Amino acid sequence: MEIIQKYFADFTDNQIRQLDMLLPLYKDWNEKINVISRKDMDHFYLHHVLHSLTIATQFSFNPGSTVIDLGCGGGFPGIPLAIFFPEVEWIMIDSIRKKLTVVEAVAENIGLNNVTIRNTRIEECKDQKVDAIVSRAVAPLKDLWKWSKPILKKDKSGTEQPNGLICLKGGDLSKEIHESGCKPFVWEIQKIFPEAYFEQKYMLYVPLR
């Protein structure tokens, strides 16, 4: 938790309480349903929570907006972002029901009222229109954008609200970006959080044009 407060200093008491509760909850659930690698639990706040909050350093979501966490797994980046942006509606989508069991339980235990879950595939969500989509290490950028584009609604508010796909990825992305046909904005996470863990980790943003 110290690593979070090293970079973020303006949490409310309730947000600090919610963030504090994450580690014991995930430890307990991970014994039943493995959603985080065992070795990662020793660096839970750095590897999962701070990594997820990279998005909050560059983007601010308008109150009342709706964001999908595509392929949310055990709840990252969506759960930390839902704590950070309590007035935003977060839809956690995953095709594996047992992972959503963990997400649902964690959200309920920490009192997150702005999270809903959908046990489905993103390709089946064309009835849903959202302001933005976030994702962490789920699929190649080409596929992420193909799935995201049909359900993004064009923002006409003229605000700084992100209107597109924001994803967290690692490694050499040059081939993946080229094959996607997208021209994403790219941030090196290590320049945002100067920690060794974030070497060769990136945040990409593909706006809906």
N, C-alpha and C. Protein backbone atom coordinates (compact mmCIF):
# COMPACT_ATOMS: atom_id res chain seq x y z
N MET A 1 0.83 -1.21 0.00
CA MET A 1 0.00 0.00 0.00
C MET A 1 0.87 1.26 0.00
N GLU A 2 2.07 1.16 0.59
CA GLU A 2 2.97 2.32 0.62
C GLU A 2 3.33 2.79 -0.78
N ILE A 3 3.47 1.82 -1.70
CA ILE A 3 3.87 2.17 -3.08
C ILE A 3 2.77 3.00 -3.75
N ILE A 4 1.51 2.77 -3.39
CA ILE A 4 0.41 3.55 -3.96
C ILE A 4 0.47 4.98 -3.43
N GLN A 5 0.65 5.11 -2.13
CA GLN A 5 0.67 6.44 -1.52
C GLN A 5 1.94 7.22 -1.86
N LYS A 6 2.94 6.52 -2.35
CA LYS A 6 4.15 7.20 -2.83
C LYS A 6 3.82 8.07 -4.05
N TYR A 7 2.88 7.62 -4.86
CA TYR A 7 2.57 8.33 -6.11
C TYR A 7 1.21 9.04 -6.09
N PHE A 8 0.34 8.66 -5.15
CA PHE A 8 -0.99 9.29 -5.05
C PHE A 8 -1.19 9.75 -3.61
N ALA A 9 -1.50 11.03 -3.45
CA ALA A 9 -1.59 11.57 -2.09
C ALA A 9 -2.98 12.09 -1.72
N ASP A 10 -3.93 12.02 -2.64
CA ASP A 10 -5.21 12.69 -2.39
C ASP A 10 -6.41 11.75 -2.31
N PHE A 11 -6.18 10.54 -1.82
CA PHE A 11 -7.30 9.62 -1.63
C PHE A 11 -8.15 10.05 -0.43
N THR A 12 -9.44 9.78 -0.50
CA THR A 12 -10.31 9.98 0.65
C THR A 12 -10.07 8.83 1.64
N ASP A 13 -10.57 9.00 2.85
CA ASP A 13 -10.44 7.93 3.86
C ASP A 13 -11.10 6.65 3.36
N ASN A 14 -12.23 6.78 2.67
CA ASN A 14 -12.92 5.59 2.17
C ASN A 14 -12.12 4.89 1.09
N GLN A 15 -11.49 5.65 0.21
CA GLN A 15 -10.66 5.04 -0.83
C GLN A 15 -9.47 4.32 -0.23
N ILE A 16 -8.86 4.91 0.79
CA ILE A 16 -7.73 4.24 1.46
C ILE A 16 -8.20 2.94 2.10
N ARG A 17 -9.36 2.99 2.73
CA ARG A 17 -9.92 1.77 3.34
C ARG A 17 -10.15 0.70 2.28
N GLN A 18 -10.73 1.09 1.15
CA GLN A 18 -11.00 0.13 0.08
C GLN A 18 -9.71 -0.47 -0.48
N LEU A 19 -8.72 0.38 -0.70
CA LEU A 19 -7.44 -0.11 -1.22
C LEU A 19 -6.76 -1.04 -0.23
N ASP A 20 -6.82 -0.71 1.05
CA ASP A 20 -6.23 -1.55 2.10
C ASP A 20 -6.86 -2.94 2.13
N MET A 21 -8.15 -2.99 1.85
CA MET A 21 -8.88 -4.26 1.93
C MET A 21 -8.57 -5.20 0.76
N LEU A 22 -8.03 -4.67 -0.32
CA LEU A 22 -7.83 -5.49 -1.51
C LEU A 22 -6.89 -6.68 -1.28
N LEU A 23 -5.75 -6.44 -0.64
CA LEU A 23 -4.77 -7.52 -0.49
C LEU A 23 -5.31 -8.72 0.28
N PRO A 24 -5.87 -8.55 1.48
CA PRO A 24 -6.40 -9.73 2.18
C PRO A 24 -7.53 -10.42 1.42
N LEU A 25 -8.36 -9.64 0.74
CA LEU A 25 -9.45 -10.25 -0.03
C LEU A 25 -8.91 -11.09 -1.18
N TYR A 26 -7.95 -10.54 -1.92
CA TYR A 26 -7.40 -11.29 -3.05
C TYR A 26 -6.59 -12.49 -2.58
N LYS A 27 -5.90 -12.37 -1.45
CA LYS A 27 -5.17 -13.52 -0.90
C LYS A 27 -6.14 -14.65 -0.59
N ASP A 28 -7.24 -14.30 0.05
CA ASP A 28 -8.23 -15.30 0.42
C ASP A 28 -8.86 -15.94 -0.81
N TRP A 29 -9.29 -15.12 -1.77
CA TRP A 29 -9.94 -15.67 -2.96
C TRP A 29 -8.97 -16.42 -3.85
N ASN A 30 -7.71 -16.01 -3.85
CA ASN A 30 -6.72 -16.67 -4.70
C ASN A 30 -6.46 -18.11 -4.26
N GLU A 31 -6.73 -18.39 -3.00
CA GLU A 31 -6.60 -19.77 -2.51
C GLU A 31 -7.70 -20.66 -3.08
N LYS A 32 -8.83 -20.04 -3.41
CA LYS A 32 -9.97 -20.81 -3.93
C LYS A 32 -10.00 -20.81 -5.46
N ILE A 33 -9.78 -19.63 -6.03
CA ILE A 33 -9.81 -19.47 -7.48
C ILE A 33 -8.57 -18.69 -7.88
N ASN A 34 -7.66 -19.34 -8.58
CA ASN A 34 -6.38 -18.71 -8.90
C ASN A 34 -6.54 -17.67 -10.00
N VAL A 35 -6.53 -16.39 -9.61
CA VAL A 35 -6.63 -15.32 -10.60
C VAL A 35 -5.36 -14.48 -10.68
N ILE A 36 -4.47 -14.67 -9.70
CA ILE A 36 -3.19 -13.96 -9.67
C ILE A 36 -2.11 -14.98 -9.39
N SER A 37 -0.97 -14.90 -10.09
CA SER A 37 0.09 -15.87 -9.84
C SER A 37 0.57 -15.74 -8.40
N ARG A 38 0.92 -16.85 -7.79
CA ARG A 38 1.31 -16.87 -6.38
C ARG A 38 2.47 -15.91 -6.11
N LYS A 39 3.47 -15.90 -6.98
CA LYS A 39 4.64 -15.04 -6.75
C LYS A 39 4.27 -13.56 -6.85
N ASP A 40 3.23 -13.26 -7.62
CA ASP A 40 2.80 -11.87 -7.78
C ASP A 40 2.14 -11.32 -6.52
N MET A 41 1.60 -12.21 -5.68
CA MET A 41 0.91 -11.74 -4.48
C MET A 41 1.86 -10.99 -3.55
N ASP A 42 3.15 -11.31 -3.60
CA ASP A 42 4.13 -10.61 -2.75
C ASP A 42 4.35 -9.17 -3.20
N HIS A 43 3.95 -8.87 -4.43
CA HIS A 43 4.11 -7.51 -4.97
C HIS A 43 2.77 -7.01 -5.50
N PHE A 44 1.72 -7.36 -4.77
CA PHE A 44 0.36 -7.12 -5.23
C PHE A 44 0.09 -5.66 -5.60
N TYR A 45 0.46 -4.74 -4.71
CA TYR A 45 0.12 -3.34 -4.96
C TYR A 45 0.94 -2.74 -6.10
N LEU A 46 2.18 -3.17 -6.26
CA LEU A 46 3.01 -2.68 -7.36
C LEU A 46 2.56 -3.29 -8.69
N HIS A 47 2.46 -4.61 -8.73
CA HIS A 47 2.21 -5.31 -9.99
C HIS A 47 0.78 -5.17 -10.50
N HIS A 48 -0.17 -5.00 -9.60
CA HIS A 48 -1.56 -5.00 -10.02
C HIS A 48 -2.29 -3.68 -9.79
N VAL A 49 -2.17 -3.15 -8.59
CA VAL A 49 -2.93 -1.94 -8.28
C VAL A 49 -2.28 -0.70 -8.90
N LEU A 50 -0.98 -0.49 -8.65
CA LEU A 50 -0.31 0.68 -9.24
C LEU A 50 -0.30 0.59 -10.76
N HIS A 51 -0.05 -0.61 -11.29
CA HIS A 51 -0.08 -0.79 -12.75
C HIS A 51 -1.43 -0.36 -13.32
N SER A 52 -2.50 -0.77 -12.67
CA SER A 52 -3.85 -0.39 -13.13
C SER A 52 -4.05 1.12 -13.07
N LEU A 53 -3.52 1.74 -12.02
CA LEU A 53 -3.72 3.17 -11.82
C LEU A 53 -2.87 4.04 -12.75
N THR A 54 -2.02 3.42 -13.56
CA THR A 54 -1.33 4.17 -14.61
C THR A 54 -2.33 4.97 -15.42
N ILE A 55 -3.47 4.35 -15.69
CA ILE A 55 -4.50 4.99 -16.52
C ILE A 55 -4.98 6.29 -15.88
N ALA A 56 -5.07 6.30 -14.55
CA ALA A 56 -5.57 7.49 -13.84
C ALA A 56 -4.57 8.65 -13.86
N THR A 57 -3.32 8.38 -14.21
CA THR A 57 -2.34 9.47 -14.26
C THR A 57 -2.47 10.32 -15.52
N GLN A 58 -3.09 9.77 -16.55
CA GLN A 58 -3.18 10.48 -17.83
C GLN A 58 -4.62 10.77 -18.26
N PHE A 59 -5.58 10.08 -17.66
CA PHE A 59 -6.97 10.23 -18.09
C PHE A 59 -7.88 10.49 -16.90
N SER A 60 -8.90 11.30 -17.14
CA SER A 60 -9.93 11.54 -16.14
C SER A 60 -11.28 11.28 -16.78
N PHE A 61 -12.06 10.42 -16.14
CA PHE A 61 -13.37 10.06 -16.69
C PHE A 61 -14.46 10.92 -16.06
N ASN A 62 -15.34 11.42 -16.89
CA ASN A 62 -16.41 12.30 -16.40
C ASN A 62 -17.38 11.55 -15.49
N PRO A 63 -17.86 12.18 -14.42
CA PRO A 63 -18.92 11.57 -13.61
C PRO A 63 -20.10 11.19 -14.49
N GLY A 64 -20.61 9.99 -14.28
CA GLY A 64 -21.75 9.52 -15.07
C GLY A 64 -21.37 8.79 -16.34
N SER A 65 -20.09 8.78 -16.68
CA SER A 65 -19.67 8.06 -17.89
C SER A 65 -19.59 6.56 -17.61
N THR A 66 -19.53 5.79 -18.68
CA THR A 66 -19.51 4.33 -18.57
C THR A 66 -18.27 3.79 -19.27
N VAL A 67 -17.55 2.91 -18.56
CA VAL A 67 -16.31 2.34 -19.09
C VAL A 67 -16.36 0.83 -18.93
N ILE A 68 -15.92 0.12 -19.96
CA ILE A 68 -15.83 -1.34 -19.90
C ILE A 68 -14.39 -1.75 -19.62
N ASP A 69 -14.22 -2.71 -18.71
CA ASP A 69 -12.93 -3.40 -18.54
C ASP A 69 -13.05 -4.70 -19.34
N LEU A 70 -12.39 -4.72 -20.48
CA LEU A 70 -12.50 -5.82 -21.43
C LEU A 70 -11.57 -6.95 -21.01
N GLY A 71 -12.16 -8.14 -20.74
CA GLY A 71 -11.36 -9.28 -20.29
C GLY A 71 -10.75 -8.99 -18.93
N CYS A 72 -11.61 -8.64 -17.98
CA CYS A 72 -11.14 -8.10 -16.70
C CYS A 72 -10.40 -9.11 -15.82
N GLY A 73 -10.54 -10.41 -16.11
CA GLY A 73 -9.87 -11.40 -15.27
C GLY A 73 -10.30 -11.27 -13.83
N GLY A 74 -9.32 -11.12 -12.93
CA GLY A 74 -9.63 -10.98 -11.51
C GLY A 74 -10.02 -9.57 -11.11
N GLY A 75 -10.04 -8.64 -12.08
CA GLY A 75 -10.51 -7.30 -11.76
C GLY A 75 -9.54 -6.17 -12.00
N PHE A 76 -8.57 -6.42 -12.88
CA PHE A 76 -7.57 -5.38 -13.17
C PHE A 76 -7.54 -5.07 -14.66
N PRO A 77 -7.59 -3.79 -14.99
CA PRO A 77 -7.43 -2.60 -14.15
C PRO A 77 -8.72 -2.07 -13.51
N GLY A 78 -9.86 -2.70 -13.77
CA GLY A 78 -11.14 -2.11 -13.41
C GLY A 78 -11.39 -1.83 -11.94
N ILE A 79 -11.03 -2.75 -11.05
CA ILE A 79 -11.32 -2.54 -9.63
C ILE A 79 -10.55 -1.34 -9.06
N PRO A 80 -9.23 -1.24 -9.24
CA PRO A 80 -8.55 -0.04 -8.75
C PRO A 80 -9.08 1.26 -9.37
N LEU A 81 -9.45 1.21 -10.65
CA LEU A 81 -9.98 2.40 -11.31
C LEU A 81 -11.37 2.76 -10.79
N ALA A 82 -12.16 1.75 -10.44
CA ALA A 82 -13.48 2.00 -9.88
C ALA A 82 -13.37 2.65 -8.50
N ILE A 83 -12.32 2.30 -7.76
CA ILE A 83 -12.07 2.97 -6.47
C ILE A 83 -11.65 4.42 -6.72
N PHE A 84 -10.79 4.62 -7.71
CA PHE A 84 -10.26 5.96 -8.01
C PHE A 84 -11.34 6.88 -8.57
N PHE A 85 -12.24 6.31 -9.39
CA PHE A 85 -13.31 7.11 -10.02
C PHE A 85 -14.68 6.59 -9.56
N PRO A 86 -15.10 6.93 -8.35
CA PRO A 86 -16.34 6.36 -7.80
C PRO A 86 -17.61 6.84 -8.48
N GLU A 87 -17.53 7.91 -9.28
CA GLU A 87 -18.74 8.42 -9.94
C GLU A 87 -18.85 7.94 -11.39
N VAL A 88 -18.01 6.99 -11.75
CA VAL A 88 -18.02 6.39 -13.09
C VAL A 88 -18.55 4.97 -13.00
N GLU A 89 -19.36 4.56 -13.96
CA GLU A 89 -19.89 3.20 -13.99
C GLU A 89 -18.90 2.29 -14.71
N TRP A 90 -18.48 1.22 -14.04
CA TRP A 90 -17.50 0.27 -14.59
C TRP A 90 -18.18 -1.06 -14.87
N ILE A 91 -18.09 -1.50 -16.11
CA ILE A 91 -18.67 -2.79 -16.50
C ILE A 91 -17.52 -3.77 -16.71
N MET A 92 -17.49 -4.80 -15.89
CA MET A 92 -16.41 -5.79 -15.93
C MET A 92 -16.86 -6.98 -16.78
N ILE A 93 -16.19 -7.17 -17.91
CA ILE A 93 -16.57 -8.23 -18.84
C ILE A 93 -15.49 -9.31 -18.90
N ASP A 94 -15.92 -10.55 -18.76
CA ASP A 94 -15.01 -11.68 -18.95
C ASP A 94 -15.84 -12.90 -19.33
N SER A 95 -15.25 -13.78 -20.14
CA SER A 95 -15.97 -14.98 -20.57
C SER A 95 -15.86 -16.11 -19.55
N ILE A 96 -14.99 -15.96 -18.54
CA ILE A 96 -14.79 -17.01 -17.54
C ILE A 96 -15.51 -16.62 -16.25
N ARG A 97 -16.57 -17.35 -15.95
CA ARG A 97 -17.46 -16.98 -14.84
C ARG A 97 -16.76 -16.99 -13.49
N LYS A 98 -15.86 -17.95 -13.27
CA LYS A 98 -15.25 -18.04 -11.93
C LYS A 98 -14.38 -16.82 -11.62
N LYS A 99 -13.81 -16.20 -12.64
CA LYS A 99 -13.04 -14.98 -12.40
C LYS A 99 -13.95 -13.85 -11.97
N LEU A 100 -15.13 -13.79 -12.57
CA LEU A 100 -16.10 -12.76 -12.21
C LEU A 100 -16.66 -12.97 -10.81
N THR A 101 -16.64 -14.22 -10.33
CA THR A 101 -17.04 -14.50 -8.95
C THR A 101 -16.14 -13.74 -7.99
N VAL A 102 -14.85 -13.73 -8.29
CA VAL A 102 -13.88 -13.00 -7.46
C VAL A 102 -14.14 -11.50 -7.55
N VAL A 103 -14.31 -10.99 -8.76
CA VAL A 103 -14.56 -9.56 -8.96
C VAL A 103 -15.80 -9.12 -8.20
N GLU A 104 -16.85 -9.89 -8.31
CA GLU A 104 -18.12 -9.56 -7.66
C GLU A 104 -17.96 -9.55 -6.14
N ALA A 105 -17.26 -10.54 -5.60
CA ALA A 105 -17.08 -10.64 -4.16
C ALA A 105 -16.21 -9.49 -3.62
N VAL A 106 -15.14 -9.18 -4.34
CA VAL A 106 -14.26 -8.09 -3.92
C VAL A 106 -15.02 -6.76 -3.92
N ALA A 107 -15.74 -6.49 -5.00
CA ALA A 107 -16.50 -5.24 -5.10
C ALA A 107 -17.53 -5.13 -3.98
N GLU A 108 -18.21 -6.23 -3.69
CA GLU A 108 -19.23 -6.22 -2.64
C GLU A 108 -18.59 -6.00 -1.27
N ASN A 109 -17.47 -6.66 -1.01
CA ASN A 109 -16.83 -6.57 0.31
C ASN A 109 -16.27 -5.19 0.61
N ILE A 110 -15.79 -4.50 -0.41
CA ILE A 110 -15.21 -3.17 -0.15
C ILE A 110 -16.22 -2.04 -0.38
N GLY A 111 -17.44 -2.42 -0.77
CA GLY A 111 -18.49 -1.42 -0.92
C GLY A 111 -18.41 -0.61 -2.20
N LEU A 112 -18.00 -1.28 -3.29
CA LEU A 112 -17.97 -0.60 -4.59
C LEU A 112 -19.35 -0.72 -5.23
N ASN A 113 -20.04 0.40 -5.33
CA ASN A 113 -21.40 0.37 -5.88
C ASN A 113 -21.45 0.77 -7.35
N ASN A 114 -20.28 1.01 -7.93
CA ASN A 114 -20.24 1.47 -9.32
C ASN A 114 -19.67 0.42 -10.27
N VAL A 115 -19.78 -0.85 -9.86
CA VAL A 115 -19.26 -1.97 -10.66
C VAL A 115 -20.37 -2.94 -10.98
N THR A 116 -20.51 -3.31 -12.26
CA THR A 116 -21.40 -4.39 -12.66
C THR A 116 -20.58 -5.40 -13.46
N ILE A 117 -21.03 -6.63 -13.48
CA ILE A 117 -20.29 -7.66 -14.20
C ILE A 117 -21.15 -8.25 -15.30
N ARG A 118 -20.49 -8.68 -16.36
CA ARG A 118 -21.17 -9.37 -17.46
C ARG A 118 -20.33 -10.57 -17.88
N ASN A 119 -20.92 -11.74 -17.74
CA ASN A 119 -20.23 -12.98 -18.11
C ASN A 119 -20.51 -13.25 -19.59
N THR A 120 -19.69 -12.65 -20.43
CA THR A 120 -19.90 -12.76 -21.87
C THR A 120 -18.60 -12.45 -22.59
N ARG A 121 -18.65 -12.51 -23.89
CA ARG A 121 -17.51 -12.11 -24.72
C ARG A 121 -17.80 -10.72 -25.27
N ILE A 122 -16.76 -9.94 -25.44
CA ILE A 122 -16.95 -8.56 -25.88
C ILE A 122 -17.63 -8.49 -27.24
N GLU A 123 -17.43 -9.52 -28.09
CA GLU A 123 -18.05 -9.51 -29.42
C GLU A 123 -19.57 -9.59 -29.33
N GLU A 124 -20.07 -10.02 -28.19
CA GLU A 124 -21.51 -10.17 -28.01
C GLU A 124 -22.14 -8.97 -27.30
N CYS A 125 -21.39 -7.89 -27.19
CA CYS A 125 -21.86 -6.71 -26.45
C CYS A 125 -22.18 -5.54 -27.37
N LYS A 126 -22.56 -5.83 -28.60
CA LYS A 126 -22.80 -4.73 -29.54
C LYS A 126 -24.03 -3.89 -29.19
N ASP A 127 -24.84 -4.40 -28.25
CA ASP A 127 -25.98 -3.63 -27.78
C ASP A 127 -25.55 -2.57 -26.77
N GLN A 128 -24.32 -2.68 -26.28
CA GLN A 128 -23.79 -1.77 -25.25
C GLN A 128 -23.03 -0.63 -25.90
N LYS A 129 -23.31 0.59 -25.47
CA LYS A 129 -22.55 1.75 -25.95
C LYS A 129 -21.89 2.41 -24.75
N VAL A 130 -20.58 2.59 -24.84
CA VAL A 130 -19.82 3.11 -23.70
C VAL A 130 -18.90 4.24 -24.14
N ASP A 131 -18.39 4.99 -23.16
CA ASP A 131 -17.52 6.12 -23.44
C ASP A 131 -16.08 5.70 -23.71
N ALA A 132 -15.63 4.65 -23.02
CA ALA A 132 -14.24 4.21 -23.17
C ALA A 132 -14.14 2.74 -22.79
N ILE A 133 -13.04 2.12 -23.21
CA ILE A 133 -12.76 0.72 -22.88
C ILE A 133 -11.33 0.64 -22.39
N VAL A 134 -11.13 -0.09 -21.29
CA VAL A 134 -9.78 -0.33 -20.77
C VAL A 134 -9.49 -1.82 -20.81
N SER A 135 -8.21 -2.15 -20.87
CA SER A 135 -7.84 -3.56 -20.95
C SER A 135 -6.39 -3.73 -20.53
N ARG A 136 -6.09 -4.91 -19.98
CA ARG A 136 -4.71 -5.19 -19.58
C ARG A 136 -4.32 -6.57 -20.08
N ALA A 137 -3.36 -6.59 -21.03
CA ALA A 137 -2.73 -7.83 -21.50
C ALA A 137 -3.75 -8.92 -21.85
N VAL A 138 -4.73 -8.57 -22.68
CA VAL A 138 -5.78 -9.53 -23.03
C VAL A 138 -5.58 -10.14 -24.41
N ALA A 139 -5.30 -9.29 -25.40
CA ALA A 139 -5.23 -9.76 -26.79
C ALA A 139 -4.41 -8.75 -27.60
N PRO A 140 -4.03 -9.12 -28.82
CA PRO A 140 -3.32 -8.16 -29.68
C PRO A 140 -4.15 -6.90 -29.92
N LEU A 141 -3.47 -5.79 -30.13
CA LEU A 141 -4.15 -4.50 -30.33
C LEU A 141 -5.14 -4.56 -31.48
N LYS A 142 -4.79 -5.27 -32.54
CA LYS A 142 -5.68 -5.39 -33.70
C LYS A 142 -7.04 -5.94 -33.29
N ASP A 143 -7.04 -6.98 -32.46
CA ASP A 143 -8.29 -7.58 -32.01
C ASP A 143 -9.01 -6.68 -31.01
N LEU A 144 -8.26 -6.10 -30.09
CA LEU A 144 -8.88 -5.22 -29.10
C LEU A 144 -9.64 -4.08 -29.77
N TRP A 145 -9.02 -3.51 -30.80
CA TRP A 145 -9.67 -2.38 -31.48
C TRP A 145 -10.87 -2.85 -32.30
N LYS A 146 -10.76 -4.00 -32.93
CA LYS A 146 -11.87 -4.54 -33.71
C LYS A 146 -13.09 -4.77 -32.81
N TRP A 147 -12.85 -5.28 -31.59
CA TRP A 147 -13.96 -5.53 -30.66
C TRP A 147 -14.49 -4.24 -30.05
N SER A 148 -13.60 -3.29 -29.82
CA SER A 148 -13.98 -2.07 -29.10
C SER A 148 -14.74 -1.08 -29.95
N LYS A 149 -14.31 -0.90 -31.18
CA LYS A 149 -14.84 0.18 -32.01
C LYS A 149 -16.37 0.17 -32.14
N PRO A 150 -17.02 -0.99 -32.33
CA PRO A 150 -18.48 -0.97 -32.51
C PRO A 150 -19.27 -0.53 -31.28
N ILE A 151 -18.66 -0.60 -30.09
CA ILE A 151 -19.45 -0.28 -28.89
C ILE A 151 -19.04 1.05 -28.24
N LEU A 152 -18.13 1.76 -28.89
CA LEU A 152 -17.75 3.08 -28.39
C LEU A 152 -18.69 4.13 -28.97
N LYS A 153 -19.24 4.97 -28.10
CA LYS A 153 -20.09 6.05 -28.60
C LYS A 153 -19.24 7.31 -28.77
N LYS A 154 -19.47 8.01 -29.84
CA LYS A 154 -18.69 9.21 -30.14
C LYS A 154 -19.00 10.29 -29.12
N ASP A 155 -17.95 10.79 -28.46
CA ASP A 155 -18.12 11.85 -27.47
C ASP A 155 -18.22 13.20 -28.17
N LYS A 156 -19.30 13.91 -27.90
CA LYS A 156 -19.50 15.22 -28.52
C LYS A 156 -19.48 16.34 -27.48
N SER A 157 -18.99 16.01 -26.29
CA SER A 157 -19.06 16.99 -25.19
C SER A 157 -17.95 18.03 -25.26
N GLY A 158 -16.88 17.72 -25.98
CA GLY A 158 -15.78 18.66 -26.07
C GLY A 158 -14.93 18.70 -24.81
N THR A 159 -15.12 17.72 -23.91
CA THR A 159 -14.34 17.68 -22.68
C THR A 159 -13.11 16.80 -22.88
N GLU A 160 -12.35 16.62 -21.79
CA GLU A 160 -11.14 15.79 -21.84
C GLU A 160 -11.45 14.31 -21.63
N GLN A 161 -12.72 13.96 -21.55
CA GLN A 161 -13.12 12.57 -21.39
C GLN A 161 -12.48 11.70 -22.47
N PRO A 162 -11.74 10.64 -22.09
CA PRO A 162 -11.20 9.75 -23.12
C PRO A 162 -12.32 9.04 -23.86
N ASN A 163 -12.19 8.94 -25.15
CA ASN A 163 -13.21 8.35 -26.00
C ASN A 163 -12.52 7.37 -26.94
N GLY A 164 -12.24 6.17 -26.41
CA GLY A 164 -11.51 5.19 -27.20
C GLY A 164 -11.06 4.03 -26.34
N LEU A 165 -10.02 3.36 -26.79
CA LEU A 165 -9.46 2.18 -26.13
C LEU A 165 -8.17 2.54 -25.42
N ILE A 166 -8.08 2.21 -24.14
CA ILE A 166 -6.85 2.40 -23.36
C ILE A 166 -6.39 1.02 -22.91
N CYS A 167 -5.18 0.63 -23.28
CA CYS A 167 -4.73 -0.70 -22.88
C CYS A 167 -3.31 -0.67 -22.32
N LEU A 168 -3.06 -1.59 -21.41
CA LEU A 168 -1.76 -1.76 -20.77
C LEU A 168 -1.10 -2.99 -21.37
N LYS A 169 0.13 -2.81 -21.88
CA LYS A 169 0.82 -3.90 -22.56
C LYS A 169 2.31 -3.88 -22.23
N GLY A 170 3.00 -4.97 -22.59
CA GLY A 170 4.43 -5.04 -22.33
C GLY A 170 5.20 -5.61 -23.50
N GLY A 171 6.52 -5.37 -23.48
CA GLY A 171 7.39 -5.92 -24.51
C GLY A 171 7.52 -5.02 -25.72
N ASP A 172 8.12 -5.58 -26.77
CA ASP A 172 8.30 -4.83 -28.02
C ASP A 172 6.97 -4.84 -28.78
N LEU A 173 6.38 -3.68 -28.90
CA LEU A 173 5.03 -3.58 -29.48
C LEU A 173 5.03 -3.11 -30.93
N SER A 174 6.22 -2.91 -31.52
CA SER A 174 6.27 -2.31 -32.86
C SER A 174 5.51 -3.14 -33.89
N LYS A 175 5.71 -4.44 -33.90
CA LYS A 175 5.02 -5.30 -34.87
C LYS A 175 3.51 -5.31 -34.61
N GLU A 176 3.16 -5.43 -33.34
CA GLU A 176 1.74 -5.48 -32.97
C GLU A 176 1.01 -4.19 -33.36
N ILE A 177 1.64 -3.07 -33.12
CA ILE A 177 1.03 -1.79 -33.48
C ILE A 177 0.91 -1.67 -35.00
N HIS A 178 1.95 -2.05 -35.72
CA HIS A 178 1.92 -2.00 -37.19
C HIS A 178 0.79 -2.86 -37.75
N GLU A 179 0.66 -4.08 -37.23
CA GLU A 179 -0.35 -5.01 -37.73
C GLU A 179 -1.77 -4.56 -37.39
N SER A 180 -1.89 -3.73 -36.35
CA SER A 180 -3.22 -3.28 -35.94
C SER A 180 -3.80 -2.24 -36.88
N GLY A 181 -2.92 -1.53 -37.60
CA GLY A 181 -3.37 -0.44 -38.44
C GLY A 181 -3.76 0.80 -37.65
N CYS A 182 -3.56 0.76 -36.33
CA CYS A 182 -3.89 1.89 -35.46
C CYS A 182 -2.68 2.80 -35.30
N LYS A 183 -2.94 4.01 -34.89
CA LYS A 183 -1.86 4.94 -34.56
C LYS A 183 -2.07 5.42 -33.12
N PRO A 184 -1.76 4.52 -32.17
CA PRO A 184 -2.04 4.86 -30.77
C PRO A 184 -1.07 5.87 -30.19
N PHE A 185 -1.54 6.61 -29.19
CA PHE A 185 -0.64 7.37 -28.34
C PHE A 185 0.00 6.35 -27.40
N VAL A 186 1.29 6.50 -27.14
CA VAL A 186 2.01 5.51 -26.32
C VAL A 186 2.76 6.20 -25.19
N TRP A 187 2.60 5.66 -23.98
CA TRP A 187 3.34 6.15 -22.81
C TRP A 187 4.22 5.03 -22.27
N GLU A 188 5.45 5.33 -21.93
CA GLU A 188 6.30 4.38 -21.21
C GLU A 188 5.97 4.51 -19.73
N ILE A 189 5.50 3.42 -19.15
CA ILE A 189 5.04 3.49 -17.77
C ILE A 189 6.19 3.80 -16.81
N GLN A 190 7.39 3.35 -17.14
CA GLN A 190 8.52 3.60 -16.25
C GLN A 190 8.84 5.10 -16.13
N LYS A 191 8.41 5.88 -17.12
CA LYS A 191 8.60 7.34 -17.03
C LYS A 191 7.54 7.98 -16.14
N ILE A 192 6.46 7.27 -15.91
CA ILE A 192 5.40 7.75 -15.01
C ILE A 192 5.69 7.29 -13.58
N PHE A 193 5.98 6.00 -13.44
CA PHE A 193 6.35 5.40 -12.16
C PHE A 193 7.76 4.81 -12.32
N PRO A 194 8.79 5.50 -11.88
CA PRO A 194 10.15 5.00 -12.08
C PRO A 194 10.50 3.82 -11.16
N GLU A 195 9.90 2.69 -11.47
CA GLU A 195 10.14 1.44 -10.75
C GLU A 195 10.65 0.41 -11.75
N ALA A 196 11.59 -0.43 -11.32
CA ALA A 196 12.19 -1.42 -12.22
C ALA A 196 11.14 -2.33 -12.86
N TYR A 197 10.08 -2.63 -12.13
CA TYR A 197 9.06 -3.54 -12.63
C TYR A 197 8.42 -3.05 -13.94
N PHE A 198 8.37 -1.73 -14.12
CA PHE A 198 7.66 -1.18 -15.27
C PHE A 198 8.54 -1.03 -16.51
N GLU A 199 9.75 -1.54 -16.47
CA GLU A 199 10.59 -1.51 -17.67
C GLU A 199 9.91 -2.28 -18.79
N GLN A 200 9.85 -1.67 -19.97
CA GLN A 200 9.21 -2.27 -21.16
C GLN A 200 7.72 -2.52 -20.96
N LYS A 201 7.09 -1.71 -20.13
CA LYS A 201 5.64 -1.76 -20.00
C LYS A 201 5.07 -0.42 -20.49
N TYR A 202 3.94 -0.51 -21.20
CA TYR A 202 3.43 0.67 -21.90
C TYR A 202 1.92 0.81 -21.70
N MET A 203 1.46 2.04 -21.86
CA MET A 203 0.03 2.32 -21.95
C MET A 203 -0.25 2.88 -23.33
N LEU A 204 -1.26 2.33 -24.01
CA LEU A 204 -1.62 2.76 -25.34
C LEU A 204 -3.03 3.33 -25.33
N TYR A 205 -3.25 4.36 -26.12
CA TYR A 205 -4.59 4.94 -26.25
C TYR A 205 -4.91 5.11 -27.73
N VAL A 206 -6.00 4.44 -28.15
CA VAL A 206 -6.50 4.58 -29.52
C VAL A 206 -7.81 5.35 -29.45
N PRO A 207 -7.83 6.62 -29.85
CA PRO A 207 -9.08 7.38 -29.78
C PRO A 207 -10.02 7.02 -30.94
N LEU A 208 -11.32 7.16 -30.67
CA LEU A 208 -12.30 6.96 -31.72
C LEU A 208 -12.34 8.24 -32.57
N ARG A 209 -11.99 8.13 -33.81
CA ARG A 209 -11.89 9.32 -34.65
C ARG A 209 -13.11 9.46 -35.56
